[in-house]
C-alpha atoms as a PDB file:
ATOM      1  CA  MET A   1      42.798   3.863 -21.679  1.00  0.00           C
ATOM      2  CA  ALA A   2      39.341   5.383 -22.056  1.00  0.00           C
ATOM      3  CA  ARG A   3      37.648   6.958 -19.090  1.00  0.00           C
ATOM      4  CA  ARG A   4      34.502   5.225 -17.822  1.00  0.00           C
ATOM      5  CA  ASN A   5      31.350   7.198 -17.343  1.00  0.00           C
ATOM      6  CA  ARG A   6      30.118   6.841 -13.811  1.00  0.00           C
ATOM      7  CA  ARG A   7      26.487   7.197 -12.968  1.00  0.00           C
ATOM      8  CA  THR A   8      25.600   9.368 -10.040  1.00  0.00           C
ATOM      9  CA  PRO A   9      23.601   7.473  -7.437  1.00  0.00           C
ATOM     10  CA  GLU A  10      19.879   8.147  -7.424  1.00  0.00           C
ATOM     11  CA  PRO A  11      18.614   9.956  -4.332  1.00  0.00           C
ATOM     12  CA  GLU A  12      16.897   7.796  -1.745  1.00  0.00           C
ATOM     13  CA  PRO A  13      13.095   8.090  -1.642  1.00  0.00           C
ATOM     14  CA  ILE A  14      11.801  10.278   1.148  1.00  0.00           C
ATOM     15  CA  GLU A  15      10.091   7.437   2.986  1.00  0.00           C
ATOM     16  CA  PRO A  16      11.144   4.025   1.689  1.00  0.00           C
ATOM     17  CA  ARG A  17       9.257   0.966   2.905  1.00  0.00           C
ATOM     18  CA  LEU A  18       9.424  -2.705   2.076  1.00  0.00           C
ATOM     19  CA  GLY A  19       7.670  -3.015  -1.243  1.00  0.00           C
ATOM     20  CA  GLY A  20       6.571   0.571  -1.658  1.00  0.00           C
ATOM     21  CA  MET A  21       6.074   4.116  -0.425  1.00  0.00           C
ATOM     22  CA  ARG A  22       3.668   5.186   2.297  1.00  0.00           C
ATOM     23  CA  ARG A  23       1.486   8.178   1.687  1.00  0.00           C
ATOM     24  CA  ALA A  24      -1.524   9.866   3.207  1.00  0.00           C
ATOM     25  CA  GLU A  25      -4.730   9.901   1.174  1.00  0.00           C
ATOM     26  CA  SER A  26      -7.972  11.754   1.743  1.00  0.00           C
ATOM     27  CA  HIS A  27     -11.209  10.140   0.533  1.00  0.00           C
ATOM     28  CA  SER A  28     -14.919  10.495   1.177  1.00  0.00           C
ATOM     29  CA  ASP A  29     -14.597   7.699   3.751  1.00  0.00           C
ATOM     30  CA  GLY A  30     -11.842   9.449   5.730  1.00  0.00           C
ATOM     31  CA  GLU A  31      -8.105   9.956   5.957  1.00  0.00           C
ATOM     32  CA  TRP A  32      -5.932   6.936   5.182  1.00  0.00           C
ATOM     33  CA  ILE A  33      -2.311   5.895   5.183  1.00  0.00           C
ATOM     34  CA  VAL A  34      -1.769   3.810   2.071  1.00  0.00           C
ATOM     35  CA  GLN A  35       1.176   1.673   1.033  1.00  0.00           C
ATOM     36  CA  ARG A  36       1.536  -0.208  -2.243  1.00  0.00           C
ATOM     37  CA  ILE A  37       3.109  -3.643  -1.857  1.00  0.00           C
ATOM     38  CA  THR A  38       5.051  -5.165  -4.739  1.00  0.00           C
ATOM     39  CA  GLY A  39       4.667  -8.794  -5.696  1.00  0.00           C
ATOM     40  CA  SER A  40       8.180  -9.617  -4.518  1.00  0.00           C
ATOM     41  CA  ALA A  41       7.455  -8.125  -1.075  1.00  0.00           C
ATOM     42  CA  SER A  42       4.204 -10.054  -0.691  1.00  0.00           C
ATOM     43  CA  THR A  43       4.959 -13.414   0.937  1.00  0.00           C
ATOM     44  CA  LYS A  44       1.785 -14.282   2.871  1.00  0.00           C
ATOM     45  CA  VAL A  45      -1.858 -14.928   2.080  1.00  0.00           C
ATOM     46  CA  TYR A  46      -4.250 -12.131   3.121  1.00  0.00           C
ATOM     47  CA  ARG A  47      -8.008 -11.742   2.819  1.00  0.00           C
ATOM     48  CA  CYS A  48      -9.237  -8.623   1.016  1.00  0.00           C
ATOM     49  CA  PRO A  49     -11.996  -6.822   2.955  1.00  0.00           C
ATOM     50  CA  GLY A  50     -13.441  -5.486  -0.309  1.00  0.00           C
ATOM     51  CA  CYS A  51     -14.240  -8.778  -2.022  1.00  0.00           C
ATOM     52  CA  ASP A  52     -13.532 -11.294   0.761  1.00  0.00           C
ATOM     53  CA  MET A  53     -11.202 -13.203  -1.597  1.00  0.00           C
ATOM     54  CA  GLU A  54      -7.612 -14.226  -0.873  1.00  0.00           C
ATOM     55  CA  ILE A  55      -4.648 -12.130  -1.898  1.00  0.00           C
ATOM     56  CA  ARG A  56      -2.098 -14.762  -2.826  1.00  0.00           C
ATOM     57  CA  PRO A  57       1.666 -14.426  -2.242  1.00  0.00           C
ATOM     58  CA  ALA A  58       3.548 -12.529  -4.978  1.00  0.00           C
ATOM     59  CA  THR A  59       0.423 -10.474  -5.791  1.00  0.00           C
ATOM     60  CA  PRO A  60       0.921  -6.695  -5.785  1.00  0.00           C
ATOM     61  CA  HIS A  61      -1.685  -5.059  -3.544  1.00  0.00           C
ATOM     62  CA  ILE A  62      -2.499  -2.170  -1.170  1.00  0.00           C
ATOM     63  CA  VAL A  63      -2.148  -1.988   2.603  1.00  0.00           C
ATOM     64  CA  ALA A  64      -4.282   0.769   4.120  1.00  0.00           C
ATOM     65  CA  TRP A  65      -5.247   1.917   7.606  1.00  0.00           C
ATOM     66  CA  PRO A  66      -7.025   4.940   9.078  1.00  0.00           C
ATOM     67  CA  ASP A  67      -4.901   8.005   9.744  1.00  0.00           C
ATOM     68  CA  TYR A  68      -5.748   9.381  13.161  1.00  0.00           C
ATOM     69  CA  GLY A  69      -3.015  12.008  13.025  1.00  0.00           C
ATOM     70  CA  THR A  70      -0.377   9.987  14.873  1.00  0.00           C
ATOM     71  CA  ALA A  71       2.959   9.185  13.289  1.00  0.00           C
ATOM     72  CA  GLU A  72       1.927   5.693  12.207  1.00  0.00           C
ATOM     73  CA  GLY A  73      -1.846   5.955  12.302  1.00  0.00           C
ATOM     74  CA  SER A  74      -3.546   2.930  13.782  1.00  0.00           C
ATOM     75  CA  LEU A  75      -1.368   0.000  12.725  1.00  0.00           C
ATOM     76  CA  ASP A  76      -3.659  -2.585  14.305  1.00  0.00           C
ATOM     77  CA  GLU A  77      -6.312  -1.532  11.779  1.00  0.00           C
ATOM     78  CA  ARG A  78      -4.153  -2.291   8.722  1.00  0.00           C
ATOM     79  CA  ARG A  79      -5.956  -4.176   5.975  1.00  0.00           C
ATOM     80  CA  HIS A  80      -4.576  -5.708   2.801  1.00  0.00           C
ATOM     81  CA  TRP A  81      -6.691  -4.909  -0.278  1.00  0.00           C
ATOM     82  CA  HIS A  82      -6.586  -5.894  -3.922  1.00  0.00           C
ATOM     83  CA  THR A  83      -5.605  -2.697  -5.716  1.00  0.00           C
ATOM     84  CA  ASN A  84      -8.853  -2.647  -7.698  1.00  0.00           C
ATOM     85  CA  CYS A  85     -10.971  -3.291  -4.590  1.00  0.00           C
ATOM     86  CA  TRP A  86      -9.272  -0.379  -2.787  1.00  0.00           C
ATOM     87  CA  GLU A  87      -9.908   1.964  -5.710  1.00  0.00           C
ATOM     88  CA  LYS A  88     -13.579   0.933  -5.998  1.00  0.00           C
ATOM     89  CA  ARG A  89     -14.407   0.587  -2.267  1.00  0.00           C
ATOM     90  CA  THR A  90     -16.412   3.824  -1.927  1.00  0.00           C
ATOM     91  CA  LYS A  91     -18.561   2.927  -4.938  1.00  0.00           C
ATOM     92  CA  ARG A  92     -19.650  -0.461  -3.565  1.00  0.00           C
ATOM     93  CA  PRO A  93     -22.761  -0.690  -1.411  1.00  0.00           C
ATOM     94  CA  GLY A  94     -22.558  -2.580   1.835  1.00  0.00           C
ATOM     95  CA  LYS A  95     -19.226  -3.881   3.052  1.00  0.00           C
ATOM     96  CA  ARG A  96     -16.654  -1.289   4.034  1.00  0.00           C
ATOM     97  CA  LEU A  97     -13.615  -1.330   6.272  1.00  0.00           C
END
């Protein structure tokens, strides 16, 4: 009987989260903790602070909150953004987080 090739398990990500990885980002508007949410992990309707439109369930998007240097940042300031709105937020006049 032939021997089966067995795949070695992939290493676990350093900081796994539901729907994506958390990371710290530095921008002109401050330090942020940013997490990408996959469509399958998105089950509720949110309102994007960038465009004031709804983020529908099953839509991949960004969750971001200010990083004040604590382990989790300020979780009560989390906001769900359309990915494009998050990337363009510092270029838009007016409304910001």
